[in-house]
Amino acid sequence: MLSGFHHVKLPVSDLDRSRHWYTSVLGLRVEIEFVEDGVVEGLALGDDTGSVRLALRRDAARAAALAGFDAVALAVPTREAVEVWARRLEDLGQPHGGVVTGHRGGSVLVGLHDPDGIEIRLYAD
């Protein structure tokens, strides 16, 4: 029996730049730093509720391969909250593709890209 996702791990080319983006744009906080041979090679990030957990791992080649791909769709509680996210991102100067209707009739913010170009969607059914 499965009960959900523990976390999703994404490759990044520059861990410091990605740390800043995921914490300042998405509001996640660093929970764990993974240190190997004295160098931070990965991060575990989470939101304040404990419902969103992302891991970042330094791997420039894989990050480049995922550029432009929508690897993650994060759940947003309501359609109105997706609109609030759109306005927040605009206030932060973060380009995105706007809010569109999802396959189930919900709201989806598309075209938000992390520093490596990996698309992060925000979705409410």
PDB file of N, CA and C in Angstrom:
ATOM      1  N   MET A   1       0.841  -1.180   0.000  1.00  0.00           N
ATOM      2  CA  MET A   1       0.000   0.000   0.000  1.00  0.00           C
ATOM      3  C   MET A   1       0.889   1.247   0.000  1.00  0.00           C
ATOM      4  N   LEU A   2       0.566   2.200  -0.843  1.00  0.00           N
ATOM      5  CA  LEU A   2       1.277   3.475  -0.895  1.00  0.00           C
ATOM      6  C   LEU A   2       0.407   4.560  -0.264  1.00  0.00           C
ATOM      7  N   SER A   3       1.053   5.573   0.311  1.00  0.00           N
ATOM      8  CA  SER A   3       0.278   6.638   0.956  1.00  0.00           C
ATOM      9  C   SER A   3       0.610   8.027   0.428  1.00  0.00           C
ATOM     10  N   GLY A   4       1.398   8.128  -0.639  1.00  0.00           N
ATOM     11  CA  GLY A   4       1.746   9.438  -1.195  1.00  0.00           C
ATOM     12  C   GLY A   4       3.222   9.479  -1.538  1.00  0.00           C
ATOM     13  N   PHE A   5       3.698  10.652  -1.825  1.00  0.00           N
ATOM     14  CA  PHE A   5       5.110  10.849  -2.132  1.00  0.00           C
ATOM     15  C   PHE A   5       5.861  11.257  -0.877  1.00  0.00           C
ATOM     16  N   HIS A   6       7.037  10.688  -0.692  1.00  0.00           N
ATOM     17  CA  HIS A   6       7.901  11.137   0.394  1.00  0.00           C
ATOM     18  C   HIS A   6       8.580  12.442  -0.007  1.00  0.00           C
ATOM     19  N   HIS A   7       9.151  12.461  -1.221  1.00  0.00           N
ATOM     20  CA  HIS A   7       9.748  13.666  -1.784  1.00  0.00           C
ATOM     21  C   HIS A   7       9.988  13.450  -3.272  1.00  0.00           C
ATOM     22  N   VAL A   8      10.258  14.531  -3.944  1.00  0.00           N
ATOM     23  CA  VAL A   8      10.677  14.508  -5.341  1.00  0.00           C
ATOM     24  C   VAL A   8      12.066  15.136  -5.385  1.00  0.00           C
ATOM     25  N   LYS A   9      12.995  14.486  -6.097  1.00  0.00           N
ATOM     26  CA  LYS A   9      14.355  15.005  -6.204  1.00  0.00           C
ATOM     27  C   LYS A   9      14.580  15.565  -7.598  1.00  0.00           C
ATOM     28  N   LEU A  10      15.102  16.782  -7.649  1.00  0.00           N
ATOM     29  CA  LEU A  10      15.399  17.438  -8.919  1.00  0.00           C
ATOM     30  C   LEU A  10      16.894  17.727  -9.027  1.00  0.00           C
ATOM     31  N   PRO A  11      17.459  17.541 -10.210  1.00  0.00           N
ATOM     32  CA  PRO A  11      18.862  17.897 -10.410  1.00  0.00           C
ATOM     33  C   PRO A  11      18.986  19.403 -10.636  1.00  0.00           C
ATOM     34  N   VAL A  12      20.079  19.970 -10.178  1.00  0.00           N
ATOM     35  CA  VAL A  12      20.351  21.398 -10.378  1.00  0.00           C
ATOM     36  C   VAL A  12      21.816  21.577 -10.755  1.00  0.00           C
ATOM     37  N   SER A  13      22.101  22.643 -11.473  1.00  0.00           N
ATOM     38  CA  SER A  13      23.490  22.894 -11.855  1.00  0.00           C
ATOM     39  C   SER A  13      24.239  23.715 -10.811  1.00  0.00           C
ATOM     40  N   ASP A  14      23.554  24.616 -10.140  1.00  0.00           N
ATOM     41  CA  ASP A  14      24.174  25.507  -9.156  1.00  0.00           C
ATOM     42  C   ASP A  14      23.319  25.442  -7.891  1.00  0.00           C
ATOM     43  N   LEU A  15      23.808  24.751  -6.894  1.00  0.00           N
ATOM     44  CA  LEU A  15      23.017  24.506  -5.689  1.00  0.00           C
ATOM     45  C   LEU A  15      22.687  25.796  -4.941  1.00  0.00           C
ATOM     46  N   ASP A  16      23.629  26.722  -4.848  1.00  0.00           N
ATOM     47  CA  ASP A  16      23.359  27.980  -4.138  1.00  0.00           C
ATOM     48  C   ASP A  16      22.286  28.801  -4.852  1.00  0.00           C
ATOM     49  N   ARG A  17      22.392  28.905  -6.153  1.00  0.00           N
ATOM     50  CA  ARG A  17      21.398  29.651  -6.932  1.00  0.00           C
ATOM     51  C   ARG A  17      20.026  29.001  -6.796  1.00  0.00           C
ATOM     52  N   SER A  18      19.961  27.678  -6.852  1.00  0.00           N
ATOM     53  CA  SER A  18      18.689  26.974  -6.721  1.00  0.00           C
ATOM     54  C   SER A  18      18.139  27.077  -5.307  1.00  0.00           C
ATOM     55  N   ARG A  19      19.002  27.000  -4.318  1.00  0.00           N
ATOM     56  CA  ARG A  19      18.559  27.183  -2.925  1.00  0.00           C
ATOM     57  C   ARG A  19      17.844  28.526  -2.796  1.00  0.00           C
ATOM     58  N   HIS A  20      18.466  29.561  -3.310  1.00  0.00           N
ATOM     59  CA  HIS A  20      17.864  30.897  -3.213  1.00  0.00           C
ATOM     60  C   HIS A  20      16.508  30.932  -3.932  1.00  0.00           C
ATOM     61  N   TRP A  21      16.418  30.371  -5.132  1.00  0.00           N
ATOM     62  CA  TRP A  21      15.172  30.412  -5.899  1.00  0.00           C
ATOM     63  C   TRP A  21      14.062  29.636  -5.198  1.00  0.00           C
ATOM     64  N   TYR A  22      14.330  28.423  -4.785  1.00  0.00           N
ATOM     65  CA  TYR A  22      13.279  27.593  -4.169  1.00  0.00           C
ATOM     66  C   TYR A  22      12.833  28.149  -2.815  1.00  0.00           C
ATOM     67  N   THR A  23      13.738  28.809  -2.096  1.00  0.00           N
ATOM     68  CA  THR A  23      13.337  29.384  -0.810  1.00  0.00           C
ATOM     69  C   THR A  23      12.650  30.734  -0.986  1.00  0.00           C
ATOM     70  N   SER A  24      13.156  31.584  -1.865  1.00  0.00           N
ATOM     71  CA  SER A  24      12.558  32.920  -2.004  1.00  0.00           C
ATOM     72  C   SER A  24      11.325  32.932  -2.900  1.00  0.00           C
ATOM     73  N   VAL A  25      11.306  32.120  -3.949  1.00  0.00           N
ATOM     74  CA  VAL A  25      10.161  32.133  -4.873  1.00  0.00           C
ATOM     75  C   VAL A  25       9.048  31.202  -4.382  1.00  0.00           C
ATOM     76  N   LEU A  26       9.384  29.972  -4.033  1.00  0.00           N
ATOM     77  CA  LEU A  26       8.356  29.023  -3.596  1.00  0.00           C
ATOM     78  C   LEU A  26       8.134  29.034  -2.083  1.00  0.00           C
ATOM     79  N   GLY A  27       9.009  29.696  -1.348  1.00  0.00           N
ATOM     80  CA  GLY A  27       8.824  29.802   0.089  1.00  0.00           C
ATOM     81  C   GLY A  27       9.168  28.535   0.863  1.00  0.00           C
ATOM     82  N   LEU A  28       9.937  27.648   0.256  1.00  0.00           N
ATOM     83  CA  LEU A  28      10.355  26.432   0.952  1.00  0.00           C
ATOM     84  C   LEU A  28      11.517  26.756   1.877  1.00  0.00           C
ATOM     85  N   ARG A  29      11.753  25.894   2.844  1.00  0.00           N
ATOM     86  CA  ARG A  29      12.877  26.096   3.756  1.00  0.00           C
ATOM     87  C   ARG A  29      13.804  24.874   3.684  1.00  0.00           C
ATOM     88  N   VAL A  30      15.056  25.110   3.935  1.00  0.00           N
ATOM     89  CA  VAL A  30      16.043  24.024   3.933  1.00  0.00           C
ATOM     90  C   VAL A  30      15.887  23.234   5.227  1.00  0.00           C
ATOM     91  N   GLU A  31      15.678  21.920   5.080  1.00  0.00           N
ATOM     92  CA  GLU A  31      15.558  21.033   6.236  1.00  0.00           C
ATOM     93  C   GLU A  31      16.842  20.253   6.480  1.00  0.00           C
ATOM     94  N   ILE A  32      17.514  19.850   5.403  1.00  0.00           N
ATOM     95  CA  ILE A  32      18.745  19.060   5.521  1.00  0.00           C
ATOM     96  C   ILE A  32      19.714  19.496   4.422  1.00  0.00           C
ATOM     97  N   GLU A  33      20.982  19.586   4.763  1.00  0.00           N
ATOM     98  CA  GLU A  33      22.046  19.745   3.776  1.00  0.00           C
ATOM     99  C   GLU A  33      22.791  18.415   3.707  1.00  0.00           C
ATOM    100  N   PHE A  34      22.990  17.901   2.497  1.00  0.00           N
ATOM    101  CA  PHE A  34      23.717  16.657   2.304  1.00  0.00           C
ATOM    102  C   PHE A  34      25.155  16.990   1.929  1.00  0.00           C
ATOM    103  N   VAL A  35      26.078  16.704   2.839  1.00  0.00           N
ATOM    104  CA  VAL A  35      27.492  17.048   2.672  1.00  0.00           C
ATOM    105  C   VAL A  35      28.276  15.786   2.328  1.00  0.00           C
ATOM    106  N   GLU A  36      29.059  15.895   1.256  1.00  0.00           N
ATOM    107  CA  GLU A  36      29.930  14.801   0.836  1.00  0.00           C
ATOM    108  C   GLU A  36      31.331  15.361   0.647  1.00  0.00           C
ATOM    109  N   ASP A  37      32.288  14.755   1.303  1.00  0.00           N
ATOM    110  CA  ASP A  37      33.691  15.214   1.235  1.00  0.00           C
ATOM    111  C   ASP A  37      33.810  16.703   1.533  1.00  0.00           C
ATOM    112  N   GLY A  38      33.018  17.162   2.509  1.00  0.00           N
ATOM    113  CA  GLY A  38      33.091  18.551   2.940  1.00  0.00           C
ATOM    114  C   GLY A  38      32.355  19.549   2.060  1.00  0.00           C
ATOM    115  N   VAL A  39      31.634  19.062   1.047  1.00  0.00           N
ATOM    116  CA  VAL A  39      30.932  19.956   0.116  1.00  0.00           C
ATOM    117  C   VAL A  39      29.440  19.638   0.151  1.00  0.00           C
ATOM    118  N   VAL A  40      28.601  20.680   0.222  1.00  0.00           N
ATOM    119  CA  VAL A  40      27.154  20.475   0.169  1.00  0.00           C
ATOM    120  C   VAL A  40      26.783  20.094  -1.267  1.00  0.00           C
ATOM    121  N   GLU A  41      26.269  18.893  -1.445  1.00  0.00           N
ATOM    122  CA  GLU A  41      25.911  18.384  -2.773  1.00  0.00           C
ATOM    123  C   GLU A  41      24.408  18.278  -2.983  1.00  0.00           C
ATOM    124  N   GLY A  42      23.637  18.416  -1.908  1.00  0.00           N
ATOM    125  CA  GLY A  42      22.188  18.309  -2.033  1.00  0.00           C
ATOM    126  C   GLY A  42      21.482  18.962  -0.874  1.00  0.00           C
ATOM    127  N   LEU A  43      20.190  19.213  -1.066  1.00  0.00           N
ATOM    128  CA  LEU A  43      19.352  19.837  -0.050  1.00  0.00           C
ATOM    129  C   LEU A  43      18.019  19.122   0.014  1.00  0.00           C
ATOM    130  N   ALA A  44      17.459  19.040   1.211  1.00  0.00           N
ATOM    131  CA  ALA A  44      16.069  18.639   1.383  1.00  0.00           C
ATOM    132  C   ALA A  44      15.316  19.894   1.780  1.00  0.00           C
ATOM    133  N   LEU A  45      14.242  20.185   1.052  1.00  0.00           N
ATOM    134  CA  LEU A  45      13.437  21.383   1.277  1.00  0.00           C
ATOM    135  C   LEU A  45      12.020  20.979   1.651  1.00  0.00           C
ATOM    136  N   GLY A  46      11.364  21.809   2.440  1.00  0.00           N
ATOM    137  CA  GLY A  46       9.979  21.541   2.786  1.00  0.00           C
ATOM    138  C   GLY A  46       9.216  22.823   3.001  1.00  0.00           C
ATOM    139  N   ASP A  47       7.883  22.693   2.977  1.00  0.00           N
ATOM    140  CA  ASP A  47       7.046  23.847   3.270  1.00  0.00           C
ATOM    141  C   ASP A  47       6.697  23.843   4.757  1.00  0.00           C
ATOM    142  N   ASP A  48       5.998  24.877   5.208  1.00  0.00           N
ATOM    143  CA  ASP A  48       5.683  25.010   6.631  1.00  0.00           C
ATOM    144  C   ASP A  48       4.709  23.952   7.130  1.00  0.00           C
ATOM    145  N   THR A  49       3.914  23.360   6.237  1.00  0.00           N
ATOM    146  CA  THR A  49       2.927  22.366   6.665  1.00  0.00           C
ATOM    147  C   THR A  49       3.488  20.945   6.670  1.00  0.00           C
ATOM    148  N   GLY A  50       4.622  20.735   6.030  1.00  0.00           N
ATOM    149  CA  GLY A  50       5.186  19.401   5.910  1.00  0.00           C
ATOM    150  C   GLY A  50       4.580  18.581   4.788  1.00  0.00           C
ATOM    151  N   SER A  51       3.747  19.213   3.962  1.00  0.00           N
ATOM    152  CA  SER A  51       3.091  18.467   2.880  1.00  0.00           C
ATOM    153  C   SER A  51       3.875  18.486   1.572  1.00  0.00           C
ATOM    154  N   VAL A  52       4.788  19.436   1.418  1.00  0.00           N
ATOM    155  CA  VAL A  52       5.610  19.510   0.204  1.00  0.00           C
ATOM    156  C   VAL A  52       7.057  19.284   0.611  1.00  0.00           C
ATOM    157  N   ARG A  53       7.674  18.292  -0.030  1.00  0.00           N
ATOM    158  CA  ARG A  53       9.071  17.997   0.231  1.00  0.00           C
ATOM    159  C   ARG A  53       9.769  17.783  -1.097  1.00  0.00           C
ATOM    160  N   LEU A  54      10.758  18.638  -1.366  1.00  0.00           N
ATOM    161  CA  LEU A  54      11.578  18.534  -2.567  1.00  0.00           C
ATOM    162  C   LEU A  54      13.028  18.363  -2.154  1.00  0.00           C
ATOM    163  N   ALA A  55      13.755  17.613  -2.932  1.00  0.00           N
ATOM    164  CA  ALA A  55      15.192  17.494  -2.736  1.00  0.00           C
ATOM    165  C   ALA A  55      15.871  18.026  -3.988  1.00  0.00           C
ATOM    166  N   LEU A  56      16.976  18.700  -3.805  1.00  0.00           N
ATOM    167  CA  LEU A  56      17.792  19.201  -4.912  1.00  0.00           C
ATOM    168  C   LEU A  56      19.143  18.513  -4.825  1.00  0.00           C
ATOM    169  N   ARG A  57      19.653  18.104  -5.975  1.00  0.00           N
ATOM    170  CA  ARG A  57      20.941  17.416  -6.035  1.00  0.00           C
ATOM    171  C   ARG A  57      21.783  18.031  -7.143  1.00  0.00           C
ATOM    172  N   ARG A  58      23.006  18.403  -6.817  1.00  0.00           N
ATOM    173  CA  ARG A  58      23.901  18.974  -7.824  1.00  0.00           C
ATOM    174  C   ARG A  58      24.179  17.930  -8.895  1.00  0.00           C
ATOM    175  N   ASP A  59      23.748  18.221 -10.121  1.00  0.00           N
ATOM    176  CA  ASP A  59      23.973  17.330 -11.267  1.00  0.00           C
ATOM    177  C   ASP A  59      23.643  18.132 -12.526  1.00  0.00           C
ATOM    178  N   ALA A  60      24.617  18.882 -12.998  1.00  0.00           N
ATOM    179  CA  ALA A  60      24.398  19.830 -14.096  1.00  0.00           C
ATOM    180  C   ALA A  60      23.918  19.152 -15.375  1.00  0.00           C
ATOM    181  N   ALA A  61      24.450  18.002 -15.699  1.00  0.00           N
ATOM    182  CA  ALA A  61      24.062  17.332 -16.950  1.00  0.00           C
ATOM    183  C   ALA A  61      22.584  16.933 -16.917  1.00  0.00           C
ATOM    184  N   ARG A  62      22.142  16.371 -15.817  1.00  0.00           N
ATOM    185  CA  ARG A  62      20.731  15.966 -15.725  1.00  0.00           C
ATOM    186  C   ARG A  62      19.813  17.189 -15.658  1.00  0.00           C
ATOM    187  N   ALA A  63      20.252  18.238 -14.995  1.00  0.00           N
ATOM    188  CA  ALA A  63      19.449  19.469 -14.945  1.00  0.00           C
ATOM    189  C   ALA A  63      19.264  20.024 -16.351  1.00  0.00           C
ATOM    190  N   ALA A  64      20.329  20.040 -17.133  1.00  0.00           N
ATOM    191  CA  ALA A  64      20.235  20.532 -18.519  1.00  0.00           C
ATOM    192  C   ALA A  64      19.292  19.667 -19.338  1.00  0.00           C
ATOM    193  N   ALA A  65      19.315  18.358 -19.106  1.00  0.00           N
ATOM    194  CA  ALA A  65      18.437  17.451 -19.852  1.00  0.00           C
ATOM    195  C   ALA A  65      16.964  17.683 -19.528  1.00  0.00           C
ATOM    196  N   LEU A  66      16.657  18.153 -18.321  1.00  0.00           N
ATOM    197  CA  LEU A  66      15.262  18.399 -17.931  1.00  0.00           C
ATOM    198  C   LEU A  66      14.772  19.805 -18.262  1.00  0.00           C
ATOM    199  N   ALA A  67      15.647  20.682 -18.722  1.00  0.00           N
ATOM    200  CA  ALA A  67      15.244  22.059 -19.024  1.00  0.00           C
ATOM    201  C   ALA A  67      14.054  22.062 -19.978  1.00  0.00           C
ATOM    202  N   GLY A  68      13.032  22.804 -19.612  1.00  0.00           N
ATOM    203  CA  GLY A  68      11.830  22.906 -20.425  1.00  0.00           C
ATOM    204  C   GLY A  68      10.778  21.867 -20.117  1.00  0.00           C
ATOM    205  N   PHE A  69      11.126  20.863 -19.322  1.00  0.00           N
ATOM    206  CA  PHE A  69      10.189  19.785 -18.992  1.00  0.00           C
ATOM    207  C   PHE A  69       9.453  20.128 -17.701  1.00  0.00           C
ATOM    208  N   ASP A  70       8.152  19.872 -17.663  1.00  0.00           N
ATOM    209  CA  ASP A  70       7.357  20.145 -16.457  1.00  0.00           C
ATOM    210  C   ASP A  70       7.384  18.915 -15.545  1.00  0.00           C
ATOM    211  N   ALA A  71       8.460  18.824 -14.780  1.00  0.00           N
ATOM    212  CA  ALA A  71       8.713  17.650 -13.948  1.00  0.00           C
ATOM    213  C   ALA A  71       7.830  17.585 -12.713  1.00  0.00           C
ATOM    214  N   VAL A  72       7.370  18.721 -12.226  1.00  0.00           N
ATOM    215  CA  VAL A  72       6.640  18.757 -10.965  1.00  0.00           C
ATOM    216  C   VAL A  72       5.424  19.669 -11.080  1.00  0.00           C
ATOM    217  N   ALA A  73       4.292  19.183 -10.566  1.00  0.00           N
ATOM    218  CA  ALA A  73       3.098  20.017 -10.402  1.00  0.00           C
ATOM    219  C   ALA A  73       2.779  20.025  -8.914  1.00  0.00           C
ATOM    220  N   LEU A  74       2.908  21.181  -8.297  1.00  0.00           N
ATOM    221  CA  LEU A  74       2.639  21.304  -6.871  1.00  0.00           C
ATOM    222  C   LEU A  74       1.165  21.643  -6.651  1.00  0.00           C
ATOM    223  N   ALA A  75       0.565  20.990  -5.679  1.00  0.00           N
ATOM    224  CA  ALA A  75      -0.850  21.220  -5.381  1.00  0.00           C
ATOM    225  C   ALA A  75      -1.030  22.546  -4.650  1.00  0.00           C
ATOM    226  N   VAL A  76      -2.043  23.269  -5.071  1.00  0.00           N
ATOM    227  CA  VAL A  76      -2.467  24.517  -4.427  1.00  0.00           C
ATOM    228  C   VAL A  76      -3.907  24.264  -3.968  1.00  0.00           C
ATOM    229  N   PRO A  77      -4.289  24.731  -2.779  1.00  0.00           N
ATOM    230  CA  PRO A  77      -5.582  24.317  -2.221  1.00  0.00           C
ATOM    231  C   PRO A  77      -6.825  24.735  -3.010  1.00  0.00           C
ATOM    232  N   THR A  78      -6.793  25.880  -3.653  1.00  0.00           N
ATOM    233  CA  THR A  78      -7.987  26.353  -4.367  1.00  0.00           C
ATOM    234  C   THR A  78      -7.590  27.008  -5.681  1.00  0.00           C
ATOM    235  N   ARG A  79      -8.560  27.133  -6.564  1.00  0.00           N
ATOM    236  CA  ARG A  79      -8.321  27.837  -7.831  1.00  0.00           C
ATOM    237  C   ARG A  79      -7.973  29.303  -7.581  1.00  0.00           C
ATOM    238  N   GLU A  80      -8.614  29.887  -6.602  1.00  0.00           N
ATOM    239  CA  GLU A  80      -8.319  31.288  -6.264  1.00  0.00           C
ATOM    240  C   GLU A  80      -6.875  31.428  -5.782  1.00  0.00           C
ATOM    241  N   ALA A  81      -6.390  30.420  -5.069  1.00  0.00           N
ATOM    242  CA  ALA A  81      -5.014  30.462  -4.577  1.00  0.00           C
ATOM    243  C   ALA A  81      -4.008  30.416  -5.733  1.00  0.00           C
ATOM    244  N   VAL A  82      -4.365  29.766  -6.828  1.00  0.00           N
ATOM    245  CA  VAL A  82      -3.490  29.767  -8.009  1.00  0.00           C
ATOM    246  C   VAL A  82      -3.362  31.193  -8.538  1.00  0.00           C
ATOM    247  N   GLU A  83      -4.465  31.933  -8.556  1.00  0.00           N
ATOM    248  CA  GLU A  83      -4.433  33.336  -9.003  1.00  0.00           C
ATOM    249  C   GLU A  83      -3.575  34.181  -8.058  1.00  0.00           C
ATOM    250  N   VAL A  84      -3.671  33.905  -6.763  1.00  0.00           N
ATOM    251  CA  VAL A  84      -2.840  34.613  -5.777  1.00  0.00           C
ATOM    252  C   VAL A  84      -1.368  34.333  -6.051  1.00  0.00           C
ATOM    253  N   TRP A  85      -1.033  33.066  -6.353  1.00  0.00           N
ATOM    254  CA  TRP A  85       0.341  32.718  -6.710  1.00  0.00           C
ATOM    255  C   TRP A  85       0.792  33.483  -7.943  1.00  0.00           C
ATOM    256  N   ALA A  86      -0.064  33.590  -8.944  1.00  0.00           N
ATOM    257  CA  ALA A  86       0.303  34.314 -10.176  1.00  0.00           C
ATOM    258  C   ALA A  86       0.670  35.751  -9.846  1.00  0.00           C
ATOM    259  N   ARG A  87      -0.139  36.394  -9.022  1.00  0.00           N
ATOM    260  CA  ARG A  87       0.155  37.783  -8.643  1.00  0.00           C
ATOM    261  C   ARG A  87       1.445  37.875  -7.826  1.00  0.00           C
ATOM    262  N   ARG A  88       1.650  36.933  -6.912  1.00  0.00           N
ATOM    263  CA  ARG A  88       2.872  36.927  -6.107  1.00  0.00           C
ATOM    264  C   ARG A  88       4.107  36.782  -6.997  1.00  0.00           C
ATOM    265  N   LEU A  89       4.045  35.865  -7.951  1.00  0.00           N
ATOM    266  CA  LEU A  89       5.171  35.661  -8.854  1.00  0.00           C
ATOM    267  C   LEU A  89       5.443  36.911  -9.686  1.00  0.00           C
ATOM    268  N   GLU A  90       4.378  37.565 -10.137  1.00  0.00           N
ATOM    269  CA  GLU A  90       4.553  38.812 -10.885  1.00  0.00           C
ATOM    270  C   GLU A  90       5.214  39.872 -10.018  1.00  0.00           C
ATOM    271  N   ASP A  91       4.796  39.971  -8.738  1.00  0.00           N
ATOM    272  CA  ASP A  91       5.412  40.920  -7.815  1.00  0.00           C
ATOM    273  C   ASP A  91       6.892  40.625  -7.611  1.00  0.00           C
ATOM    274  N   LEU A  92       7.264  39.348  -7.662  1.00  0.00           N
ATOM    275  CA  LEU A  92       8.663  38.947  -7.514  1.00  0.00           C
ATOM    276  C   LEU A  92       9.453  39.071  -8.807  1.00  0.00           C
ATOM    277  N   GLY A  93       8.767  39.425  -9.911  1.00  0.00           N
ATOM    278  CA  GLY A  93       9.435  39.517 -11.201  1.00  0.00           C
ATOM    279  C   GLY A  93       9.737  38.166 -11.814  1.00  0.00           C
ATOM    280  N   GLN A  94       8.982  37.138 -11.421  1.00  0.00           N
ATOM    281  CA  GLN A  94       9.184  35.789 -11.945  1.00  0.00           C
ATOM    282  C   GLN A  94       8.288  35.553 -13.149  1.00  0.00           C
ATOM    283  N   PRO A  95       8.860  35.411 -14.326  1.00  0.00           N
ATOM    284  CA  PRO A  95       8.033  35.164 -15.507  1.00  0.00           C
ATOM    285  C   PRO A  95       7.349  33.802 -15.425  1.00  0.00           C
ATOM    286  N   HIS A  96       6.150  33.739 -15.979  1.00  0.00           N
ATOM    287  CA  HIS A  96       5.398  32.484 -16.054  1.00  0.00           C
ATOM    288  C   HIS A  96       4.441  32.586 -17.225  1.00  0.00           C
ATOM    289  N   GLY A  97       3.801  31.492 -17.554  1.00  0.00           N
ATOM    290  CA  GLY A  97       2.914  31.434 -18.714  1.00  0.00           C
ATOM    291  C   GLY A  97       1.459  31.716 -18.414  1.00  0.00           C
ATOM    292  N   GLY A  98       1.157  32.119 -17.195  1.00  0.00           N
ATOM    293  CA  GLY A  98      -0.213  32.447 -16.830  1.00  0.00           C
ATOM    294  C   GLY A  98      -0.976  31.246 -16.302  1.00  0.00           C
ATOM    295  N   VAL A  99      -2.236  31.477 -16.018  1.00  0.00           N
ATOM    296  CA  VAL A  99      -3.112  30.457 -15.467  1.00  0.00           C
ATOM    297  C   VAL A  99      -3.998  29.926 -16.580  1.00  0.00           C
ATOM    298  N   VAL A 100      -4.031  28.617 -16.718  1.00  0.00           N
ATOM    299  CA  VAL A 100      -4.852  27.965 -17.740  1.00  0.00           C
ATOM    300  C   VAL A 100      -5.776  26.957 -17.054  1.00  0.00           C
ATOM    301  N   THR A 101      -6.742  26.454 -17.805  1.00  0.00           N
ATOM    302  CA  THR A 101      -7.651  25.441 -17.290  1.00  0.00           C
ATOM    303  C   THR A 101      -7.016  24.067 -17.451  1.00  0.00           C
ATOM    304  N   GLY A 102      -7.004  23.295 -16.381  1.00  0.00           N
ATOM    305  CA  GLY A 102      -6.430  21.953 -16.403  1.00  0.00           C
ATOM    306  C   GLY A 102      -7.397  20.944 -16.990  1.00  0.00           C
ATOM    307  N   HIS A 103      -6.937  19.737 -17.164  1.00  0.00           N
ATOM    308  CA  HIS A 103      -7.745  18.673 -17.766  1.00  0.00           C
ATOM    309  C   HIS A 103      -8.973  18.320 -16.941  1.00  0.00           C
ATOM    310  N   ARG A 104      -8.924  18.542 -15.651  1.00  0.00           N
ATOM    311  CA  ARG A 104     -10.070  18.263 -14.780  1.00  0.00           C
ATOM    312  C   ARG A 104     -10.893  19.521 -14.510  1.00  0.00           C
ATOM    313  N   GLY A 105     -10.589  20.581 -15.225  1.00  0.00           N
ATOM    314  CA  GLY A 105     -11.326  21.820 -15.041  1.00  0.00           C
ATOM    315  C   GLY A 105     -10.749  22.747 -13.998  1.00  0.00           C
ATOM    316  N   GLY A 106      -9.642  22.353 -13.382  1.00  0.00           N
ATOM    317  CA  GLY A 106      -9.019  23.192 -12.363  1.00  0.00           C
ATOM    318  C   GLY A 106      -8.161  24.280 -12.969  1.00  0.00           C
ATOM    319  N   SER A 107      -7.448  24.974 -12.112  1.00  0.00           N
ATOM    320  CA  SER A 107      -6.557  26.054 -12.537  1.00  0.00           C
ATOM    321  C   SER A 107      -5.111  25.590 -12.438  1.00  0.00           C
ATOM    322  N   VAL A 108      -4.336  25.904 -13.462  1.00  0.00           N
ATOM    323  CA  VAL A 108      -2.926  25.514 -13.495  1.00  0.00           C
ATOM    324  C   VAL A 108      -2.093  26.721 -13.885  1.00  0.00           C
ATOM    325  N   LEU A 109      -1.122  27.072 -13.053  1.00  0.00           N
ATOM    326  CA  LEU A 109      -0.156  28.093 -13.423  1.00  0.00           C
ATOM    327  C   LEU A 109       0.969  27.375 -14.145  1.00  0.00           C
ATOM    328  N   VAL A 110       1.205  27.746 -15.389  1.00  0.00           N
ATOM    329  CA  VAL A 110       2.219  27.095 -16.217  1.00  0.00           C
ATOM    330  C   VAL A 110       3.373  28.056 -16.476  1.00  0.00           C
ATOM    331  N   GLY A 111       4.468  27.507 -16.981  1.00  0.00           N
ATOM    332  CA  GLY A 111       5.568  28.330 -17.457  1.00  0.00           C
ATOM    333  C   GLY A 111       6.452  28.949 -16.399  1.00  0.00           C
ATOM    334  N   LEU A 112       6.365  28.482 -15.148  1.00  0.00           N
ATOM    335  CA  LEU A 112       7.284  28.941 -14.114  1.00  0.00           C
ATOM    336  C   LEU A 112       8.500  28.018 -14.159  1.00  0.00           C
ATOM    337  N   HIS A 113       9.682  28.612 -14.323  1.00  0.00           N
ATOM    338  CA  HIS A 113      10.896  27.808 -14.464  1.00  0.00           C
ATOM    339  C   HIS A 113      11.892  28.121 -13.363  1.00  0.00           C
ATOM    340  N   ASP A 114      12.497  27.058 -12.841  1.00  0.00           N
ATOM    341  CA  ASP A 114      13.558  27.240 -11.865  1.00  0.00           C
ATOM    342  C   ASP A 114      14.808  27.728 -12.590  1.00  0.00           C
ATOM    343  N   PRO A 115      15.892  28.007 -11.897  1.00  0.00           N
ATOM    344  CA  PRO A 115      17.080  28.548 -12.557  1.00  0.00           C
ATOM    345  C   PRO A 115      17.668  27.668 -13.664  1.00  0.00           C
ATOM    346  N   ASP A 116      17.371  26.372 -13.654  1.00  0.00           N
ATOM    347  CA  ASP A 116      17.859  25.480 -14.700  1.00  0.00           C
ATOM    348  C   ASP A 116      16.847  25.285 -15.819  1.00  0.00           C
ATOM    349  N   GLY A 117      15.728  25.981 -15.745  1.00  0.00           N
ATOM    350  CA  GLY A 117      14.716  25.865 -16.794  1.00  0.00           C
ATOM    351  C   GLY A 117      13.723  24.739 -16.590  1.00  0.00           C
ATOM    352  N   ILE A 118      13.783  24.041 -15.453  1.00  0.00           N
ATOM    353  CA  ILE A 118      12.817  22.990 -15.162  1.00  0.00           C
ATOM    354  C   ILE A 118      11.500  23.661 -14.787  1.00  0.00           C
ATOM    355  N   GLU A 119      10.412  23.251 -15.449  1.00  0.00           N
ATOM    356  CA  GLU A 119       9.123  23.887 -15.198  1.00  0.00           C
ATOM    357  C   GLU A 119       8.480  23.321 -13.935  1.00  0.00           C
ATOM    358  N   ILE A 120       8.026  24.232 -13.097  1.00  0.00           N
ATOM    359  CA  ILE A 120       7.288  23.895 -11.877  1.00  0.00           C
ATOM    360  C   ILE A 120       5.880  24.444 -12.068  1.00  0.00           C
ATOM    361  N   ARG A 121       4.896  23.558 -12.082  1.00  0.00           N
ATOM    362  CA  ARG A 121       3.501  23.995 -12.232  1.00  0.00           C
ATOM    363  C   ARG A 121       2.816  24.046 -10.879  1.00  0.00           C
ATOM    364  N   LEU A 122       1.861  24.940 -10.755  1.00  0.00           N
ATOM    365  CA  LEU A 122       1.045  25.052  -9.557  1.00  0.00           C
ATOM    366  C   LEU A 122      -0.378  24.712  -9.965  1.00  0.00           C
ATOM    367  N   TYR A 123      -0.978  23.738  -9.281  1.00  0.00           N
ATOM    368  CA  TYR A 123      -2.225  23.122  -9.768  1.00  0.00           C
ATOM    369  C   TYR A 123      -3.268  23.036  -8.661  1.00  0.00           C
ATOM    370  N   ALA A 124      -4.494  23.440  -8.996  1.00  0.00           N
ATOM    371  CA  ALA A 124      -5.656  23.248  -8.106  1.00  0.00           C
ATOM    372  C   ALA A 124      -6.774  22.641  -8.930  1.00  0.00           C
ATOM    373  N   ASP A 125      -7.323  21.514  -8.470  1.00  0.00           N
ATOM    374  CA  ASP A 125      -8.453  20.874  -9.174  1.00  0.00           C
ATOM    375  C   ASP A 125      -9.713  21.699  -9.050  1.00  0.00           C
TER     376      ASP A 125
END
